[in-house]
Amino acid sequence: MPAIKFDPEVCVRCETVDCLMKCQYIEFAGISDAKAEKLKINAGKESRVLNECLTCYACQEYCPFGNNPFYLLVELQEEKRILPAPKPIVEEQLRMMGPKGRITPQKVRSPVVDMCSFPMLAGCVRGKLFEGASVISGNDIFCNIMWLHFAKNSVIRERVPKIIDNIMSFYLKNSNIDEIVCFHDECYGTFTSIAEAFGIPVPFKPIHLFDYINRRLDEIPERIKPINEKIAYQRPCSNRLSPETDKILDEIFIKIGAERVPRKHDRENALCCGGVPRAHQRDELADELVEKNISDMLSTGAKYCVFNCPFCMATLGQEVAEHGLMPILVSDLVLTALGE
């Protein structure tokens, strides 16, 4: 498998070192300090960043050159065996999330909605919004992007080509379909950003959920009943890999009458929900992130806390509900505006 797409000369010429200076979890004495650490990483040397990284993906978005700083960092973490989580946890996750070989051929029709390894959320694909949709899910098509959180680029290289082949061979090819709707940012990021950086070919067209919903709303405008409510959005880590879709989400919110309230911890300044450091057994940091996110939301007067990541919702859903906000997925909020 080809090496990660990366040009070290780009970093040498970079004067701002945004990929590190904008980090919300690691402090640097200044640009010179950050640049020194970045050049260590580029050279494959030890850097404190390898140990302090939260694995939030944000540096992928912060880099103005698309030079894949996060993927390179994870590559070096694995090479130097710097695991963000305890080894037994990583090994258990590898077993639990591995392919099961239970996939069987299935005729599908458009739109084909990829639910990744979350079959329990298949009920979200319903109503006029997803009329006629087919749903595919299971470990055998699990996108495997989570291994970026566990310093396991090697698992991505091993498993992602296989799951791409499974999607084509068992679902799309025999149904004469060449595109899928990615219900989660994780899958879309895998088939676009990860695939390009790792040199993994993708023979179908991935469509982001926001793109699909936005176009679908334009097809059924007469069904929209504006909800006229304030919402606080919890932007997930994986949306850092497709930041252009955040603007599409804004268009969706406008169409359904949802006011995305300004937050300190949103958009480029979004904070991790706390689930990843919890998995890493960094509980104090996880608690801190949960508290910051919820305090920020409560200060806005929002009625809903909107998620697009099932893991974020599992991490924060009960907490926000206990504080009086209604946790809801983007698709369900849209369905609410459609009266479903």
C-alpha atoms as a PDB file:
ATOM      1  CA  MET A   1       0.000   0.000   0.000  1.00  0.00           C
ATOM      2  CA  PRO A   2       1.404   3.457  -0.895  1.00  0.00           C
ATOM      3  CA  ALA A   3       2.684   5.763   1.834  1.00  0.00           C
ATOM      4  CA  ILE A   4       0.446   8.555   3.078  1.00  0.00           C
ATOM      5  CA  LYS A   5       0.236  11.472   0.676  1.00  0.00           C
ATOM      6  CA  PHE A   6       2.455  14.088   2.301  1.00  0.00           C
ATOM      7  CA  ASP A   7       4.976  16.728   1.186  1.00  0.00           C
ATOM      8  CA  PRO A   8       7.531  17.703   3.877  1.00  0.00           C
ATOM      9  CA  GLU A   9       8.585  20.777   1.889  1.00  0.00           C
ATOM     10  CA  VAL A  10       5.130  22.250   2.424  1.00  0.00           C
ATOM     11  CA  CYS A  11       5.726  22.245   6.184  1.00  0.00           C
ATOM     12  CA  VAL A  12       9.169  23.808   5.792  1.00  0.00           C
ATOM     13  CA  ARG A  13       7.622  26.731   3.899  1.00  0.00           C
ATOM     14  CA  CYS A  14       4.638  27.071   6.253  1.00  0.00           C
ATOM     15  CA  GLU A  15       5.001  30.129   8.486  1.00  0.00           C
ATOM     16  CA  THR A  16       1.938  29.758  10.728  1.00  0.00           C
ATOM     17  CA  VAL A  17       2.017  26.045  11.689  1.00  0.00           C
ATOM     18  CA  ASP A  18      -1.780  26.189  12.020  1.00  0.00           C
ATOM     19  CA  CYS A  19      -2.002  22.406  12.348  1.00  0.00           C
ATOM     20  CA  LEU A  20      -0.418  22.695  15.807  1.00  0.00           C
ATOM     21  CA  MET A  21      -0.908  26.319  16.833  1.00  0.00           C
ATOM     22  CA  LYS A  22      -4.691  25.994  16.570  1.00  0.00           C
ATOM     23  CA  CYS A  23      -4.759  22.797  18.624  1.00  0.00           C
ATOM     24  CA  GLN A  24      -7.096  23.203  21.617  1.00  0.00           C
ATOM     25  CA  TYR A  25      -5.468  20.455  23.685  1.00  0.00           C
ATOM     26  CA  ILE A  26      -1.691  20.964  23.373  1.00  0.00           C
ATOM     27  CA  GLU A  27       0.049  24.198  24.371  1.00  0.00           C
ATOM     28  CA  PHE A  28       3.086  25.625  22.601  1.00  0.00           C
ATOM     29  CA  ALA A  29       5.374  28.462  23.661  1.00  0.00           C
ATOM     30  CA  GLY A  30       4.998  30.021  20.223  1.00  0.00           C
ATOM     31  CA  ILE A  31       5.255  29.374  16.518  1.00  0.00           C
ATOM     32  CA  SER A  32       8.932  28.423  16.738  1.00  0.00           C
ATOM     33  CA  ASP A  33       8.151  25.796  19.382  1.00  0.00           C
ATOM     34  CA  ALA A  34       5.283  24.375  17.331  1.00  0.00           C
ATOM     35  CA  LYS A  35       7.364  24.326  14.156  1.00  0.00           C
ATOM     36  CA  ALA A  36      10.202  22.509  15.917  1.00  0.00           C
ATOM     37  CA  GLU A  37       7.800  19.778  17.051  1.00  0.00           C
ATOM     38  CA  LYS A  38       6.245  19.548  13.588  1.00  0.00           C
ATOM     39  CA  LEU A  39       9.624  19.123  11.919  1.00  0.00           C
ATOM     40  CA  LYS A  40      10.447  16.342  14.394  1.00  0.00           C
ATOM     41  CA  ILE A  41       7.275  14.520  13.363  1.00  0.00           C
ATOM     42  CA  ASN A  42       8.023  15.021   9.677  1.00  0.00           C
ATOM     43  CA  ALA A  43      11.487  13.535  10.199  1.00  0.00           C
ATOM     44  CA  GLY A  44      10.067  10.520  12.031  1.00  0.00           C
ATOM     45  CA  LYS A  45      11.558  11.567  15.353  1.00  0.00           C
ATOM     46  CA  GLU A  46      10.161  11.607  18.878  1.00  0.00           C
ATOM     47  CA  SER A  47       7.871  14.535  19.676  1.00  0.00           C
ATOM     48  CA  ARG A  48       5.798  15.279  22.742  1.00  0.00           C
ATOM     49  CA  VAL A  49       2.857  15.777  20.378  1.00  0.00           C
ATOM     50  CA  LEU A  50       2.746  12.017  19.773  1.00  0.00           C
ATOM     51  CA  ASN A  51       1.960  11.449  23.458  1.00  0.00           C
ATOM     52  CA  GLU A  52      -0.246  14.485  24.081  1.00  0.00           C
ATOM     53  CA  CYS A  53      -2.445  14.219  20.960  1.00  0.00           C
ATOM     54  CA  LEU A  54      -6.149  13.711  21.682  1.00  0.00           C
ATOM     55  CA  THR A  55      -6.654  12.257  18.164  1.00  0.00           C
ATOM     56  CA  CYS A  56      -9.478  14.717  17.436  1.00  0.00           C
ATOM     57  CA  TYR A  57      -8.665  15.044  13.679  1.00  0.00           C
ATOM     58  CA  ALA A  58      -8.734  18.854  13.909  1.00  0.00           C
ATOM     59  CA  CYS A  59      -5.238  19.404  12.510  1.00  0.00           C
ATOM     60  CA  GLN A  60      -6.449  17.861   9.241  1.00  0.00           C
ATOM     61  CA  GLU A  61      -8.836  20.799   8.928  1.00  0.00           C
ATOM     62  CA  TYR A  62      -6.429  23.400  10.293  1.00  0.00           C
ATOM     63  CA  CYS A  63      -3.736  22.634   7.692  1.00  0.00           C
ATOM     64  CA  PRO A  64      -4.377  25.123   4.851  1.00  0.00           C
ATOM     65  CA  PHE A  65      -2.458  22.945   2.384  1.00  0.00           C
ATOM     66  CA  GLY A  66      -4.286  19.635   2.801  1.00  0.00           C
ATOM     67  CA  ASN A  67      -0.970  17.999   3.722  1.00  0.00           C
ATOM     68  CA  ASN A  68      -2.451  15.292   5.979  1.00  0.00           C
ATOM     69  CA  PRO A  69      -0.726  16.205   9.269  1.00  0.00           C
ATOM     70  CA  PHE A  70      -2.990  14.007  11.388  1.00  0.00           C
ATOM     71  CA  TYR A  71      -2.594  10.878   9.285  1.00  0.00           C
ATOM     72  CA  LEU A  72       1.182  11.327   9.413  1.00  0.00           C
ATOM     73  CA  LEU A  73       1.065  11.750  13.185  1.00  0.00           C
ATOM     74  CA  VAL A  74      -0.931   8.538  13.607  1.00  0.00           C
ATOM     75  CA  GLU A  75       1.511   6.759  11.302  1.00  0.00           C
ATOM     76  CA  LEU A  76       4.382   7.757  13.581  1.00  0.00           C
ATOM     77  CA  GLN A  77       2.455   6.858  16.743  1.00  0.00           C
ATOM     78  CA  GLU A  78       2.030   3.339  15.431  1.00  0.00           C
ATOM     79  CA  GLU A  79       5.605   3.078  14.220  1.00  0.00           C
ATOM     80  CA  LYS A  80       6.900   4.075  17.662  1.00  0.00           C
ATOM     81  CA  ARG A  81       4.217   2.023  19.457  1.00  0.00           C
ATOM     82  CA  ILE A  82       2.766   5.049  21.216  1.00  0.00           C
ATOM     83  CA  LEU A  83      -0.784   3.816  21.765  1.00  0.00           C
ATOM     84  CA  PRO A  84      -3.275   6.502  22.888  1.00  0.00           C
ATOM     85  CA  ALA A  85      -5.275   3.781  24.691  1.00  0.00           C
ATOM     86  CA  PRO A  86      -4.095   0.845  26.826  1.00  0.00           C
ATOM     87  CA  LYS A  87      -3.083  -2.144  24.688  1.00  0.00           C
ATOM     88  CA  PRO A  88      -5.781  -4.528  26.056  1.00  0.00           C
ATOM     89  CA  ILE A  89      -8.492  -2.033  25.041  1.00  0.00           C
ATOM     90  CA  VAL A  90      -7.038  -1.702  21.556  1.00  0.00           C
ATOM     91  CA  GLU A  91      -6.813  -5.481  21.128  1.00  0.00           C
ATOM     92  CA  GLU A  92     -10.390  -5.999  22.325  1.00  0.00           C
ATOM     93  CA  GLN A  93     -11.661  -3.341  19.909  1.00  0.00           C
ATOM     94  CA  LEU A  94      -9.745  -4.985  17.075  1.00  0.00           C
ATOM     95  CA  ARG A  95     -11.529  -8.263  17.763  1.00  0.00           C
ATOM     96  CA  MET A  96     -14.946  -6.751  18.361  1.00  0.00           C
ATOM     97  CA  MET A  97     -14.976  -4.518  15.275  1.00  0.00           C
ATOM     98  CA  GLY A  98     -13.333  -6.968  12.892  1.00  0.00           C
ATOM     99  CA  PRO A  99     -15.096  -8.366   9.817  1.00  0.00           C
ATOM    100  CA  LYS A 100     -17.396 -11.307  10.595  1.00  0.00           C
ATOM    101  CA  GLY A 101     -17.750 -12.878   7.143  1.00  0.00           C
ATOM    102  CA  ARG A 102     -21.542 -12.898   7.473  1.00  0.00           C
ATOM    103  CA  ILE A 103     -22.300 -10.622   4.536  1.00  0.00           C
ATOM    104  CA  THR A 104     -24.569 -12.023   1.812  1.00  0.00           C
ATOM    105  CA  PRO A 105     -25.520 -10.673  -1.638  1.00  0.00           C
ATOM    106  CA  GLN A 106     -28.475  -8.314  -1.599  1.00  0.00           C
ATOM    107  CA  LYS A 107     -30.327  -6.503  -4.360  1.00  0.00           C
ATOM    108  CA  VAL A 108     -30.598  -2.818  -3.499  1.00  0.00           C
ATOM    109  CA  ARG A 109     -32.173   0.242  -5.043  1.00  0.00           C
ATOM    110  CA  SER A 110     -31.324   3.919  -4.879  1.00  0.00           C
ATOM    111  CA  PRO A 111     -30.776   5.653  -2.640  1.00  0.00           C
ATOM    112  CA  VAL A 112     -28.507   3.123  -0.911  1.00  0.00           C
ATOM    113  CA  VAL A 113     -27.868   4.346   2.634  1.00  0.00           C
ATOM    114  CA  ASP A 114     -24.723   3.023   4.296  1.00  0.00           C
ATOM    115  CA  MET A 115     -25.277   2.747   8.066  1.00  0.00           C
ATOM    116  CA  CYS A 116     -21.775   1.362   8.678  1.00  0.00           C
ATOM    117  CA  SER A 117     -21.750  -0.787  11.835  1.00  0.00           C
ATOM    118  CA  PHE A 118     -24.893   0.810  13.316  1.00  0.00           C
ATOM    119  CA  PRO A 119     -27.783  -1.423  12.189  1.00  0.00           C
ATOM    120  CA  MET A 120     -29.682  -0.333  15.279  1.00  0.00           C
ATOM    121  CA  LEU A 121     -30.111   3.082  13.619  1.00  0.00           C
ATOM    122  CA  ALA A 122     -31.727   1.700  10.461  1.00  0.00           C
ATOM    123  CA  GLY A 123     -35.068   3.029  11.733  1.00  0.00           C
ATOM    124  CA  CYS A 124     -33.774   6.556  11.099  1.00  0.00           C
ATOM    125  CA  VAL A 125     -34.033   5.868   7.372  1.00  0.00           C
ATOM    126  CA  ARG A 126     -37.767   6.359   6.922  1.00  0.00           C
ATOM    127  CA  GLY A 127     -40.525   8.573   5.628  1.00  0.00           C
ATOM    128  CA  LYS A 128     -40.613  10.831   2.626  1.00  0.00           C
ATOM    129  CA  LEU A 129     -37.039  11.938   3.272  1.00  0.00           C
ATOM    130  CA  PHE A 130     -35.683   8.478   2.468  1.00  0.00           C
ATOM    131  CA  GLU A 131     -38.494   7.206   0.273  1.00  0.00           C
ATOM    132  CA  GLY A 132     -37.560   3.961  -1.490  1.00  0.00           C
ATOM    133  CA  ALA A 133     -34.161   3.731   0.205  1.00  0.00           C
ATOM    134  CA  SER A 134     -32.209   0.534   0.790  1.00  0.00           C
ATOM    135  CA  VAL A 135     -30.129   0.227   3.948  1.00  0.00           C
ATOM    136  CA  ILE A 136     -26.833  -1.644   4.253  1.00  0.00           C
ATOM    137  CA  SER A 137     -24.914  -2.172   7.488  1.00  0.00           C
ATOM    138  CA  GLY A 138     -22.728  -4.520   9.486  1.00  0.00           C
ATOM    139  CA  ASN A 139     -19.126  -5.138  10.537  1.00  0.00           C
ATOM    140  CA  ASP A 140     -18.255  -6.420   7.070  1.00  0.00           C
ATOM    141  CA  ILE A 141     -18.733  -2.900   5.695  1.00  0.00           C
ATOM    142  CA  PHE A 142     -17.533  -1.049   8.816  1.00  0.00           C
ATOM    143  CA  CYS A 143     -15.528   1.968   7.622  1.00  0.00           C
ATOM    144  CA  ASN A 144     -12.725   1.406  10.189  1.00  0.00           C
ATOM    145  CA  ILE A 145     -11.910   5.092  10.559  1.00  0.00           C
ATOM    146  CA  MET A 146     -11.964   4.672  14.338  1.00  0.00           C
ATOM    147  CA  TRP A 147      -8.437   3.245  14.208  1.00  0.00           C
ATOM    148  CA  LEU A 148      -7.118   6.772  13.795  1.00  0.00           C
ATOM    149  CA  HIS A 149      -7.982   7.139  17.490  1.00  0.00           C
ATOM    150  CA  PHE A 150      -5.901   4.082  18.373  1.00  0.00           C
ATOM    151  CA  ALA A 151      -2.691   4.557  16.335  1.00  0.00           C
ATOM    152  CA  LYS A 152      -3.601   1.789  13.925  1.00  0.00           C
ATOM    153  CA  ASN A 153      -3.187   3.039  10.360  1.00  0.00           C
ATOM    154  CA  SER A 154      -2.138  -0.499   9.476  1.00  0.00           C
ATOM    155  CA  VAL A 155      -5.648  -1.760  10.242  1.00  0.00           C
ATOM    156  CA  ILE A 156      -7.118   0.904   7.943  1.00  0.00           C
ATOM    157  CA  ARG A 157      -4.785  -0.221   5.160  1.00  0.00           C
ATOM    158  CA  GLU A 158      -5.714  -3.860   5.732  1.00  0.00           C
ATOM    159  CA  ARG A 159      -9.473  -3.605   6.184  1.00  0.00           C
ATOM    160  CA  VAL A 160     -10.729  -0.620   4.167  1.00  0.00           C
ATOM    161  CA  PRO A 161      -9.971  -2.088   0.699  1.00  0.00           C
ATOM    162  CA  LYS A 162     -11.879  -5.205   1.723  1.00  0.00           C
ATOM    163  CA  ILE A 163     -14.963  -3.365   2.947  1.00  0.00           C
ATOM    164  CA  ILE A 164     -14.992  -1.291  -0.241  1.00  0.00           C
ATOM    165  CA  ASP A 165     -14.906  -4.527  -2.238  1.00  0.00           C
ATOM    166  CA  ASN A 166     -17.718  -5.930  -0.074  1.00  0.00           C
ATOM    167  CA  ILE A 167     -19.935  -2.924  -0.779  1.00  0.00           C
ATOM    168  CA  MET A 168     -19.358  -3.268  -4.514  1.00  0.00           C
ATOM    169  CA  SER A 169     -19.521  -7.061  -4.754  1.00  0.00           C
ATOM    170  CA  PHE A 170     -22.427  -7.778  -2.418  1.00  0.00           C
ATOM    171  CA  TYR A 171     -24.623  -4.720  -3.018  1.00  0.00           C
ATOM    172  CA  LEU A 172     -23.855  -2.233  -5.781  1.00  0.00           C
ATOM    173  CA  LYS A 173     -22.432  -4.137  -8.753  1.00  0.00           C
ATOM    174  CA  ASN A 174     -25.301  -6.548  -9.315  1.00  0.00           C
ATOM    175  CA  SER A 175     -27.842  -3.780  -8.713  1.00  0.00           C
ATOM    176  CA  ASN A 176     -26.243  -1.478 -11.305  1.00  0.00           C
ATOM    177  CA  ILE A 177     -25.739   1.259  -8.726  1.00  0.00           C
ATOM    178  CA  ASP A 178     -22.559   3.302  -8.448  1.00  0.00           C
ATOM    179  CA  GLU A 179     -23.155   5.545  -5.435  1.00  0.00           C
ATOM    180  CA  ILE A 180     -24.027   5.338  -1.748  1.00  0.00           C
ATOM    181  CA  VAL A 181     -25.296   7.828   0.812  1.00  0.00           C
ATOM    182  CA  CYS A 182     -23.028   7.869   3.866  1.00  0.00           C
ATOM    183  CA  PHE A 183     -25.220   8.276   6.943  1.00  0.00           C
ATOM    184  CA  HIS A 184     -22.176   9.072   9.090  1.00  0.00           C
ATOM    185  CA  ASP A 185     -19.314  11.519   8.620  1.00  0.00           C
ATOM    186  CA  GLU A 186     -16.962   8.649   9.415  1.00  0.00           C
ATOM    187  CA  CYS A 187     -17.842   6.665   6.300  1.00  0.00           C
ATOM    188  CA  TYR A 188     -17.750   9.694   4.035  1.00  0.00           C
ATOM    189  CA  GLY A 189     -14.361  10.690   5.445  1.00  0.00           C
ATOM    190  CA  THR A 190     -13.063   7.174   4.838  1.00  0.00           C
ATOM    191  CA  PHE A 191     -14.161   7.017   1.211  1.00  0.00           C
ATOM    192  CA  THR A 192     -12.886  10.537   0.429  1.00  0.00           C
ATOM    193  CA  SER A 193     -10.123  11.934   2.648  1.00  0.00           C
ATOM    194  CA  ILE A 194      -8.671   8.645   3.930  1.00  0.00           C
ATOM    195  CA  ALA A 195      -8.881   6.909   0.572  1.00  0.00           C
ATOM    196  CA  GLU A 196      -7.080   9.741  -1.199  1.00  0.00           C
ATOM    197  CA  ALA A 197      -4.362  10.098   1.441  1.00  0.00           C
ATOM    198  CA  PHE A 198      -3.738   6.346   1.723  1.00  0.00           C
ATOM    199  CA  GLY A 199      -3.976   5.667  -2.014  1.00  0.00           C
ATOM    200  CA  ILE A 200      -7.026   3.402  -1.731  1.00  0.00           C
ATOM    201  CA  PRO A 201      -9.235   3.302  -4.859  1.00  0.00           C
ATOM    202  CA  VAL A 202     -12.991   3.764  -4.392  1.00  0.00           C
ATOM    203  CA  PRO A 203     -15.072   2.532  -7.369  1.00  0.00           C
ATOM    204  CA  PHE A 204     -18.341   4.136  -6.244  1.00  0.00           C
ATOM    205  CA  LYS A 205     -19.395   7.700  -5.497  1.00  0.00           C
ATOM    206  CA  PRO A 206     -19.858   8.510  -1.797  1.00  0.00           C
ATOM    207  CA  ILE A 207     -22.546  11.095  -1.057  1.00  0.00           C
ATOM    208  CA  HIS A 208     -22.559  12.865   2.282  1.00  0.00           C
ATOM    209  CA  LEU A 209     -25.812  12.674   4.229  1.00  0.00           C
ATOM    210  CA  PHE A 210     -26.049  16.476   4.264  1.00  0.00           C
ATOM    211  CA  ASP A 211     -25.769  16.622   0.482  1.00  0.00           C
ATOM    212  CA  TYR A 212     -28.534  14.047   0.150  1.00  0.00           C
ATOM    213  CA  ILE A 213     -30.872  15.718   2.664  1.00  0.00           C
ATOM    214  CA  ASN A 214     -30.305  19.179   1.208  1.00  0.00           C
ATOM    215  CA  ARG A 215     -31.203  18.044  -2.299  1.00  0.00           C
ATOM    216  CA  ARG A 216     -34.149  16.002  -1.064  1.00  0.00           C
ATOM    217  CA  LEU A 217     -35.612  18.999   0.771  1.00  0.00           C
ATOM    218  CA  ASP A 218     -35.494  20.930  -2.499  1.00  0.00           C
ATOM    219  CA  GLU A 219     -37.583  18.165  -4.058  1.00  0.00           C
ATOM    220  CA  ILE A 220     -40.312  18.275  -1.382  1.00  0.00           C
ATOM    221  CA  PRO A 221     -40.461  21.902  -0.155  1.00  0.00           C
ATOM    222  CA  GLU A 222     -44.225  21.772   0.259  1.00  0.00           C
ATOM    223  CA  ARG A 223     -43.846  19.235   3.073  1.00  0.00           C
ATOM    224  CA  ILE A 224     -41.582  21.383   5.240  1.00  0.00           C
ATOM    225  CA  LYS A 225     -43.150  22.834   8.365  1.00  0.00           C
ATOM    226  CA  PRO A 226     -40.478  25.070   9.940  1.00  0.00           C
ATOM    227  CA  ILE A 227     -39.735  24.067  13.510  1.00  0.00           C
ATOM    228  CA  ASN A 228     -38.735  27.644  14.502  1.00  0.00           C
ATOM    229  CA  GLU A 229     -36.470  26.521  17.326  1.00  0.00           C
ATOM    230  CA  LYS A 230     -32.909  27.218  18.428  1.00  0.00           C
ATOM    231  CA  ILE A 231     -30.511  24.297  18.137  1.00  0.00           C
ATOM    232  CA  ALA A 232     -26.996  23.695  19.446  1.00  0.00           C
ATOM    233  CA  TYR A 233     -24.952  21.532  17.092  1.00  0.00           C
ATOM    234  CA  GLN A 234     -22.287  19.123  18.365  1.00  0.00           C
ATOM    235  CA  ARG A 235     -19.912  18.933  15.420  1.00  0.00           C
ATOM    236  CA  PRO A 236     -18.123  15.549  15.361  1.00  0.00           C
ATOM    237  CA  CYS A 237     -14.388  14.943  14.988  1.00  0.00           C
ATOM    238  CA  SER A 238     -14.859  13.146  11.694  1.00  0.00           C
ATOM    239  CA  ASN A 239     -16.474  16.177  10.065  1.00  0.00           C
ATOM    240  CA  ARG A 240     -12.998  17.695  10.175  1.00  0.00           C
ATOM    241  CA  LEU A 241     -12.271  15.470   7.177  1.00  0.00           C
ATOM    242  CA  SER A 242     -15.049  17.078   5.105  1.00  0.00           C
ATOM    243  CA  PRO A 243     -15.414  20.627   6.485  1.00  0.00           C
ATOM    244  CA  GLU A 244     -17.111  21.811   3.314  1.00  0.00           C
ATOM    245  CA  THR A 245     -20.234  19.883   4.339  1.00  0.00           C
ATOM    246  CA  ASP A 246     -20.715  22.061   7.431  1.00  0.00           C
ATOM    247  CA  LYS A 247     -21.936  24.861   5.164  1.00  0.00           C
ATOM    248  CA  ILE A 248     -24.441  22.470   3.607  1.00  0.00           C
ATOM    249  CA  LEU A 249     -25.732  21.687   7.096  1.00  0.00           C
ATOM    250  CA  ASP A 250     -26.337  25.410   7.590  1.00  0.00           C
ATOM    251  CA  GLU A 251     -28.477  25.388   4.444  1.00  0.00           C
ATOM    252  CA  ILE A 252     -30.492  22.469   5.828  1.00  0.00           C
ATOM    253  CA  PHE A 253     -31.098  24.240   9.120  1.00  0.00           C
ATOM    254  CA  ILE A 254     -32.297  27.371   7.303  1.00  0.00           C
ATOM    255  CA  LYS A 255     -34.721  25.351   5.166  1.00  0.00           C
ATOM    256  CA  ILE A 256     -36.316  23.660   8.198  1.00  0.00           C
ATOM    257  CA  GLY A 257     -36.446  26.794  10.342  1.00  0.00           C
ATOM    258  CA  ALA A 258     -33.760  25.729  12.825  1.00  0.00           C
ATOM    259  CA  GLU A 259     -31.525  28.468  14.210  1.00  0.00           C
ATOM    260  CA  ARG A 260     -27.998  27.171  14.748  1.00  0.00           C
ATOM    261  CA  VAL A 261     -27.013  29.258  17.730  1.00  0.00           C
ATOM    262  CA  PRO A 262     -23.491  30.670  17.918  1.00  0.00           C
ATOM    263  CA  ARG A 263     -21.352  28.619  20.293  1.00  0.00           C
ATOM    264  CA  LYS A 264     -17.838  29.051  21.580  1.00  0.00           C
ATOM    265  CA  HIS A 265     -17.218  25.380  20.848  1.00  0.00           C
ATOM    266  CA  ASP A 266     -18.612  24.949  17.349  1.00  0.00           C
ATOM    267  CA  ARG A 267     -17.395  25.032  13.770  1.00  0.00           C
ATOM    268  CA  GLU A 268     -13.590  25.246  13.613  1.00  0.00           C
ATOM    269  CA  ASN A 269     -13.467  25.545  17.415  1.00  0.00           C
ATOM    270  CA  ALA A 270     -15.596  22.460  18.089  1.00  0.00           C
ATOM    271  CA  LEU A 271     -14.490  20.336  21.018  1.00  0.00           C
ATOM    272  CA  CYS A 272     -14.442  16.566  21.228  1.00  0.00           C
ATOM    273  CA  CYS A 273     -17.584  15.220  22.909  1.00  0.00           C
ATOM    274  CA  GLY A 274     -15.409  13.462  25.481  1.00  0.00           C
ATOM    275  CA  GLY A 275     -15.985   9.945  24.208  1.00  0.00           C
ATOM    276  CA  VAL A 276     -12.512   9.448  22.750  1.00  0.00           C
ATOM    277  CA  PRO A 277     -10.521  10.413  25.863  1.00  0.00           C
ATOM    278  CA  ARG A 278     -12.942   8.229  27.842  1.00  0.00           C
ATOM    279  CA  ALA A 279     -11.997   5.312  25.590  1.00  0.00           C
ATOM    280  CA  HIS A 280      -8.348   6.231  26.146  1.00  0.00           C
ATOM    281  CA  GLN A 281      -8.989   6.141  29.915  1.00  0.00           C
ATOM    282  CA  ARG A 282      -8.253   9.854  30.256  1.00  0.00           C
ATOM    283  CA  ASP A 283     -11.330  10.344  32.402  1.00  0.00           C
ATOM    284  CA  GLU A 284     -10.481  13.754  33.860  1.00  0.00           C
ATOM    285  CA  LEU A 285     -10.113  15.237  30.392  1.00  0.00           C
ATOM    286  CA  ALA A 286     -13.306  13.513  29.260  1.00  0.00           C
ATOM    287  CA  ASP A 287     -15.229  15.016  32.184  1.00  0.00           C
ATOM    288  CA  GLU A 288     -13.783  18.438  31.408  1.00  0.00           C
ATOM    289  CA  LEU A 289     -14.865  18.263  27.765  1.00  0.00           C
ATOM    290  CA  VAL A 290     -18.373  17.126  28.658  1.00  0.00           C
ATOM    291  CA  GLU A 291     -18.724  20.013  31.106  1.00  0.00           C
ATOM    292  CA  LYS A 292     -17.410  22.586  28.619  1.00  0.00           C
ATOM    293  CA  ASN A 293     -19.707  21.411  25.846  1.00  0.00           C
ATOM    294  CA  ILE A 294     -22.828  21.331  27.988  1.00  0.00           C
ATOM    295  CA  SER A 295     -22.153  24.686  29.670  1.00  0.00           C
ATOM    296  CA  ASP A 296     -21.608  26.198  26.244  1.00  0.00           C
ATOM    297  CA  MET A 297     -24.892  24.778  24.932  1.00  0.00           C
ATOM    298  CA  LEU A 298     -26.910  25.867  27.948  1.00  0.00           C
ATOM    299  CA  SER A 299     -25.697  29.445  27.583  1.00  0.00           C
ATOM    300  CA  THR A 300     -27.331  29.702  24.145  1.00  0.00           C
ATOM    301  CA  GLY A 301     -30.952  29.057  25.056  1.00  0.00           C
ATOM    302  CA  ALA A 302     -31.192  26.215  22.563  1.00  0.00           C
ATOM    303  CA  LYS A 303     -34.015  23.675  22.777  1.00  0.00           C
ATOM    304  CA  TYR A 304     -32.294  20.866  20.848  1.00  0.00           C
ATOM    305  CA  CYS A 305     -28.798  19.436  20.964  1.00  0.00           C
ATOM    306  CA  VAL A 306     -28.262  18.092  17.439  1.00  0.00           C
ATOM    307  CA  PHE A 307     -25.804  15.317  16.592  1.00  0.00           C
ATOM    308  CA  ASN A 308     -24.658  13.652  13.409  1.00  0.00           C
ATOM    309  CA  CYS A 309     -22.349  11.152  15.118  1.00  0.00           C
ATOM    310  CA  PRO A 310     -23.915   8.190  16.983  1.00  0.00           C
ATOM    311  CA  PHE A 311     -20.856   7.990  19.264  1.00  0.00           C
ATOM    312  CA  CYS A 312     -21.180  11.670  20.211  1.00  0.00           C
ATOM    313  CA  MET A 313     -24.872  11.163  20.916  1.00  0.00           C
ATOM    314  CA  ALA A 314     -24.145   8.090  23.047  1.00  0.00           C
ATOM    315  CA  THR A 315     -21.556  10.108  24.973  1.00  0.00           C
ATOM    316  CA  LEU A 316     -23.518  13.312  25.529  1.00  0.00           C
ATOM    317  CA  GLY A 317     -27.150  12.408  24.891  1.00  0.00           C
ATOM    318  CA  GLN A 318     -28.167  11.554  28.441  1.00  0.00           C
ATOM    319  CA  GLU A 319     -26.141  14.427  29.868  1.00  0.00           C
ATOM    320  CA  VAL A 320     -27.789  17.055  27.668  1.00  0.00           C
ATOM    321  CA  ALA A 321     -31.242  15.557  28.321  1.00  0.00           C
ATOM    322  CA  GLU A 322     -30.687  15.828  32.068  1.00  0.00           C
ATOM    323  CA  HIS A 323     -29.903  19.510  31.535  1.00  0.00           C
ATOM    324  CA  GLY A 324     -33.131  20.148  29.634  1.00  0.00           C
ATOM    325  CA  LEU A 325     -31.974  19.921  26.016  1.00  0.00           C
ATOM    326  CA  MET A 326     -33.473  17.391  23.624  1.00  0.00           C
ATOM    327  CA  PRO A 327     -30.820  15.188  21.990  1.00  0.00           C
ATOM    328  CA  ILE A 328     -31.596  14.396  18.370  1.00  0.00           C
ATOM    329  CA  LEU A 329     -29.837  13.312  15.185  1.00  0.00           C
ATOM    330  CA  VAL A 330     -29.779  15.663  12.190  1.00  0.00           C
ATOM    331  CA  SER A 331     -31.943  13.291  10.135  1.00  0.00           C
ATOM    332  CA  ASP A 332     -34.558  13.015  12.885  1.00  0.00           C
ATOM    333  CA  LEU A 333     -34.698  16.795  13.265  1.00  0.00           C
ATOM    334  CA  VAL A 334     -35.374  17.063   9.531  1.00  0.00           C
ATOM    335  CA  LEU A 335     -38.055  14.388   9.779  1.00  0.00           C
ATOM    336  CA  THR A 336     -39.663  16.411  12.554  1.00  0.00           C
ATOM    337  CA  ALA A 337     -39.850  19.396  10.219  1.00  0.00           C
ATOM    338  CA  LEU A 338     -41.487  17.113   7.640  1.00  0.00           C
ATOM    339  CA  GLY A 339     -44.124  16.112  10.169  1.00  0.00           C
ATOM    340  CA  GLU A 340     -42.850  12.557  10.500  1.00  0.00           C
END
